[in-house]
N, C-alpha and C. Protein backbone atom coordinates (compact mmCIF):
# COMPACT_ATOMS: atom_id res chain seq x y z
N UNK A 1 5.48 -25.01 5.36
CA UNK A 1 5.95 -25.57 6.74
C UNK A 1 5.23 -26.90 6.71
N UNK A 2 3.83 -26.55 6.33
CA UNK A 2 2.91 -28.29 6.76
C UNK A 2 2.56 -28.39 8.06
N UNK A 3 3.89 -29.95 8.83
CA UNK A 3 3.54 -30.28 10.04
C UNK A 3 4.20 -29.99 10.88
N UNK A 4 4.72 -28.96 10.50
CA UNK A 4 5.59 -28.27 11.42
C UNK A 4 5.71 -26.97 12.01
N UNK A 5 6.19 -26.40 13.32
CA UNK A 5 6.48 -25.44 13.69
C UNK A 5 7.55 -25.18 15.03
N UNK A 6 7.81 -24.21 13.87
CA UNK A 6 8.66 -23.25 14.89
C UNK A 6 8.72 -21.74 15.63
N UNK A 7 9.42 -22.00 16.40
CA UNK A 7 9.37 -20.58 17.41
C UNK A 7 10.70 -19.75 16.81
N UNK A 8 10.14 -18.58 16.82
CA UNK A 8 11.67 -17.46 16.29
C UNK A 8 10.93 -15.91 17.36
N UNK A 9 11.99 -15.92 18.10
CA UNK A 9 11.90 -14.59 18.66
C UNK A 9 13.83 -13.87 18.52
N UNK A 10 13.54 -12.24 18.40
CA UNK A 10 14.62 -11.80 18.06
C UNK A 10 14.35 -10.11 18.76
N UNK A 11 15.42 -10.00 19.33
CA UNK A 11 15.43 -9.08 20.42
C UNK A 11 16.74 -7.98 19.86
N UNK A 12 16.30 -6.83 19.16
CA UNK A 12 17.01 -5.76 18.60
C UNK A 12 17.67 -4.97 19.94
N UNK A 13 19.22 -5.89 20.61
CA UNK A 13 19.80 -5.08 21.49
C UNK A 13 20.58 -4.32 21.21
N UNK A 14 21.70 -4.90 20.14
CA UNK A 14 23.16 -4.14 20.07
C UNK A 14 23.76 -5.24 20.08
N UNK A 15 23.27 -6.00 20.81
CA UNK A 15 24.48 -7.43 21.23
C UNK A 15 24.04 -8.66 20.42
N UNK A 16 25.06 -9.89 19.75
CA UNK A 16 24.43 -10.39 19.31
C UNK A 16 24.58 -11.76 19.77
N UNK A 17 23.64 -13.08 20.16
CA UNK A 17 23.34 -14.40 20.52
C UNK A 17 22.69 -14.93 20.35
N UNK A 18 22.70 -16.30 19.75
CA UNK A 18 21.78 -17.15 18.98
C UNK A 18 22.29 -18.54 20.26
N UNK A 19 20.40 -18.70 19.97
CA UNK A 19 20.34 -19.85 20.24
C UNK A 19 19.83 -21.08 19.15
N UNK A 20 19.77 -21.85 19.06
CA UNK A 20 19.70 -22.47 17.62
C UNK A 20 18.88 -24.18 18.51
N UNK A 21 18.11 -24.32 18.02
CA UNK A 21 17.87 -25.77 18.63
C UNK A 21 16.83 -26.12 17.67
N UNK A 22 16.87 -26.88 16.40
CA UNK A 22 16.77 -27.25 15.68
C UNK A 22 17.08 -28.66 15.57
N UNK A 23 16.51 -29.91 15.01
CA UNK A 23 16.99 -31.77 14.75
C UNK A 23 16.72 -31.71 13.43
N UNK A 24 17.59 -31.76 12.52
CA UNK A 24 17.70 -31.26 11.02
C UNK A 24 18.39 -32.26 11.56
N UNK A 25 17.56 -33.35 10.93
CA UNK A 25 17.77 -35.47 10.69
C UNK A 25 18.62 -35.31 9.01
N UNK A 26 18.03 -34.36 7.87
CA UNK A 26 18.48 -34.80 6.69
C UNK A 26 19.99 -34.23 6.16
N UNK A 27 20.93 -34.59 5.95
CA UNK A 27 22.31 -34.26 6.26
C UNK A 27 21.75 -33.15 5.00
N UNK A 28 21.67 -33.54 4.10
CA UNK A 28 21.50 -32.75 2.44
C UNK A 28 20.23 -33.09 2.06
N UNK A 29 19.99 -31.32 1.11
CA UNK A 29 18.20 -31.61 0.32
C UNK A 29 19.28 -31.02 -0.93
N UNK A 30 19.06 -32.15 -1.63
CA UNK A 30 19.60 -31.78 -2.77
C UNK A 30 21.33 -31.48 -2.54
N UNK A 31 21.53 -30.34 -3.22
CA UNK A 31 23.40 -30.21 -2.95
C UNK A 31 23.64 -29.75 -1.82
N UNK A 32 22.28 -29.16 -1.26
CA UNK A 32 22.56 -28.33 -0.23
C UNK A 32 22.36 -28.70 1.38
N UNK A 33 24.38 -28.39 1.63
CA UNK A 33 24.07 -29.14 3.28
C UNK A 33 23.74 -28.51 4.45
N UNK A 34 22.76 -29.23 5.06
CA UNK A 34 22.12 -28.64 6.05
C UNK A 34 22.52 -27.74 7.27
N UNK A 35 23.76 -28.55 7.65
CA UNK A 35 24.69 -28.22 8.90
C UNK A 35 24.76 -26.72 8.74
N UNK A 36 24.85 -25.90 7.25
CA UNK A 36 24.90 -24.48 7.16
C UNK A 36 24.23 -23.63 7.58
N UNK A 37 23.04 -24.03 7.73
CA UNK A 37 21.36 -23.10 8.75
C UNK A 37 21.72 -22.88 9.97
N UNK A 38 22.79 -23.49 10.70
CA UNK A 38 22.35 -22.47 12.46
C UNK A 38 24.08 -21.90 11.88
N UNK A 39 24.71 -22.37 10.79
CA UNK A 39 25.83 -21.08 10.19
C UNK A 39 25.03 -19.68 9.94
N UNK A 40 24.01 -20.16 9.06
CA UNK A 40 23.11 -18.68 8.55
C UNK A 40 22.69 -17.83 9.92
N UNK A 41 22.38 -18.44 10.61
CA UNK A 41 20.92 -17.93 11.71
C UNK A 41 22.84 -17.00 13.00
N UNK A 42 23.58 -17.98 12.98
CA UNK A 42 24.57 -17.30 13.77
C UNK A 42 25.07 -15.94 12.88
N UNK A 43 25.81 -16.03 11.68
CA UNK A 43 25.83 -14.43 10.91
C UNK A 43 24.58 -13.16 10.71
N UNK A 44 23.57 -14.39 11.06
CA UNK A 44 22.22 -13.18 10.71
C UNK A 44 22.35 -12.02 12.14
N UNK A 45 22.68 -13.09 13.00
CA UNK A 45 22.52 -12.47 14.30
C UNK A 45 24.11 -11.91 14.43
N UNK A 46 24.69 -12.21 14.47
CA UNK A 46 26.04 -11.32 14.70
C UNK A 46 26.21 -9.92 13.72
N UNK A 47 25.39 -9.88 12.74
CA UNK A 47 25.29 -8.71 11.98
C UNK A 47 24.36 -8.20 11.98
N UNK A 48 23.04 -8.32 12.42
CA UNK A 48 22.25 -7.51 12.78
C UNK A 48 22.45 -6.78 14.17
N UNK A 49 23.60 -7.80 15.01
CA UNK A 49 23.75 -7.38 16.97
C UNK A 49 22.53 -7.50 17.48
N UNK A 50 22.10 -8.32 17.51
CA UNK A 50 20.57 -9.20 17.55
C UNK A 50 20.22 -10.36 19.10
N UNK A 51 19.94 -10.36 19.90
CA UNK A 51 19.50 -11.83 20.29
C UNK A 51 18.72 -12.70 19.61
N UNK A 52 18.60 -13.71 19.10
CA UNK A 52 17.95 -14.72 18.13
C UNK A 52 17.88 -15.98 18.57
N UNK A 53 16.57 -16.39 18.58
CA UNK A 53 15.76 -17.14 19.03
C UNK A 53 15.22 -18.04 17.97
N UNK A 54 15.58 -19.22 17.93
CA UNK A 54 15.40 -20.29 16.99
C UNK A 54 14.98 -21.99 17.18
N UNK A 55 13.02 -22.34 17.60
CA UNK A 55 13.46 -23.40 17.78
C UNK A 55 12.58 -24.23 17.19
N UNK A 56 12.33 -25.28 16.68
CA UNK A 56 12.06 -26.38 16.32
C UNK A 56 11.26 -26.50 16.92
N UNK A 57 10.13 -26.53 16.78
CA UNK A 57 8.89 -27.62 18.62
C UNK A 57 8.32 -29.09 18.10
N UNK A 58 8.71 -28.52 16.49
CA UNK A 58 8.02 -30.48 16.05
C UNK A 58 7.74 -30.47 14.27
N UNK A 59 8.30 -31.85 14.30
CA UNK A 59 7.71 -31.75 12.82
C UNK A 59 8.90 -32.98 12.24
N UNK A 60 8.69 -33.08 10.70
CA UNK A 60 9.34 -34.67 10.51
C UNK A 60 9.85 -33.90 9.44
N UNK A 61 9.97 -32.97 8.33
CA UNK A 61 10.40 -32.94 6.83
C UNK A 61 11.53 -31.90 7.01
N UNK A 62 12.54 -32.13 7.03
CA UNK A 62 13.67 -31.52 7.34
C UNK A 62 14.11 -30.12 6.21
N UNK A 63 13.49 -29.70 4.78
CA UNK A 63 12.99 -28.94 4.34
C UNK A 63 11.41 -28.26 4.80
N UNK A 64 10.48 -28.30 5.00
CA UNK A 64 9.36 -28.19 5.99
C UNK A 64 10.17 -27.39 7.44
N UNK A 65 11.34 -27.93 8.30
CA UNK A 65 11.75 -27.19 9.32
C UNK A 65 13.07 -25.95 8.87
N UNK A 66 13.28 -25.94 7.84
CA UNK A 66 13.86 -24.88 7.16
C UNK A 66 12.88 -23.58 7.14
N UNK A 67 11.88 -24.06 6.05
CA UNK A 67 11.27 -23.45 5.52
C UNK A 67 10.25 -21.97 6.68
N UNK A 68 10.25 -23.46 8.31
CA UNK A 68 8.92 -22.80 8.92
C UNK A 68 9.90 -21.78 9.71
N UNK A 69 11.64 -21.30 9.86
CA UNK A 69 12.58 -20.78 10.60
C UNK A 69 13.02 -19.50 10.27
N UNK A 70 12.54 -19.01 8.90
CA UNK A 70 12.24 -18.01 7.52
C UNK A 70 11.14 -17.44 7.73
N UNK A 71 10.52 -18.34 8.23
CA UNK A 71 8.56 -17.82 8.38
C UNK A 71 8.22 -17.39 9.34
N UNK A 72 9.57 -17.80 10.76
CA UNK A 72 9.02 -17.63 11.60
C UNK A 72 9.88 -16.29 12.38
N UNK A 73 11.10 -15.78 11.43
CA UNK A 73 11.79 -15.25 11.86
C UNK A 73 11.31 -14.00 11.30
N UNK A 74 10.34 -14.32 10.08
CA UNK A 74 10.00 -12.68 9.53
C UNK A 74 8.70 -12.67 9.58
N UNK A 75 8.45 -12.87 10.91
CA UNK A 75 6.74 -11.90 11.66
C UNK A 75 8.05 -11.69 12.86
N UNK A 76 8.94 -12.71 13.58
CA UNK A 76 9.24 -11.54 14.97
C UNK A 76 9.93 -10.78 14.54
N UNK A 77 10.51 -10.22 12.96
CA UNK A 77 11.08 -8.99 12.44
C UNK A 77 10.28 -8.19 12.28
N UNK A 78 9.47 -8.32 12.00
CA UNK A 78 8.33 -7.52 11.55
C UNK A 78 7.22 -6.78 13.15
N UNK A 79 7.22 -7.67 14.10
CA UNK A 79 6.87 -7.53 15.52
C UNK A 79 7.64 -6.59 16.03
N UNK A 80 9.57 -7.58 16.34
CA UNK A 80 10.30 -6.43 16.54
C UNK A 80 10.37 -5.17 16.24
N UNK A 81 10.21 -4.60 14.84
CA UNK A 81 10.40 -3.28 14.05
C UNK A 81 9.46 -2.40 14.10
N UNK A 82 7.75 -3.41 14.76
CA UNK A 82 6.77 -2.37 14.74
C UNK A 82 6.66 -1.43 15.75
N UNK A 83 6.40 0.19 15.47
CA UNK A 83 6.19 0.85 16.15
C UNK A 83 4.83 0.41 17.40
N UNK A 84 4.86 -0.05 18.38
CA UNK A 84 3.05 0.00 18.98
C UNK A 84 2.09 2.32 19.72
N UNK A 85 1.45 1.88 18.32
CA UNK A 85 0.76 3.58 19.08
C UNK A 85 0.23 4.09 20.46
N UNK A 86 0.48 2.53 21.08
CA UNK A 86 -0.16 2.49 22.23
C UNK A 86 0.61 3.23 23.77
N UNK A 87 2.01 3.04 23.12
CA UNK A 87 2.90 2.24 24.21
C UNK A 87 3.64 4.09 23.90
N UNK A 88 3.27 5.28 24.97
CA UNK A 88 3.70 6.89 25.13
C UNK A 88 4.89 6.17 26.24
N UNK A 89 5.33 7.39 26.06
CA UNK A 89 6.79 7.46 27.30
C UNK A 89 7.71 7.11 27.42
N UNK A 90 7.60 5.55 26.82
CA UNK A 90 9.02 4.60 26.45
C UNK A 90 10.04 5.04 25.86
N UNK A 91 11.10 4.85 26.35
CA UNK A 91 12.41 4.86 25.50
C UNK A 91 12.43 3.72 25.08
N UNK A 92 12.91 3.91 23.15
CA UNK A 92 12.71 2.29 22.50
C UNK A 92 13.56 3.11 21.63
N UNK A 93 14.01 2.13 20.71
CA UNK A 93 15.02 2.23 19.93
C UNK A 93 14.05 1.96 18.38
N UNK A 94 13.06 1.80 18.38
CA UNK A 94 11.77 1.08 17.20
C UNK A 94 11.56 2.38 16.31
N UNK A 95 12.06 2.38 15.39
CA UNK A 95 11.82 3.60 14.49
C UNK A 95 13.23 4.09 14.06
N UNK A 96 13.70 3.46 14.86
CA UNK A 96 15.36 4.38 14.63
C UNK A 96 16.51 3.76 14.17
N UNK A 97 16.06 2.10 13.21
CA UNK A 97 17.56 1.31 12.93
C UNK A 97 17.26 1.21 11.64
């Protein structure tokens, strides 16, 4: 991801919604059409039934921007499904999905 910084936030709410803010300047990476990246995240949000926010804060290289989205989402998903043992007595879906 080098020079790129991306923020990803996910809420496993049972309702799908996507906010996607990324300026993918290259239309193609080899034979890969970069316009399908937003479509992928829309499908991800819909099938997961989650609110997903992805924002590329800065970067130059389109490949790095796309790579950083997946890395940021991986970390966001880990945090979304990890049970915090310090929080007690609060109803949550964590651990039941």
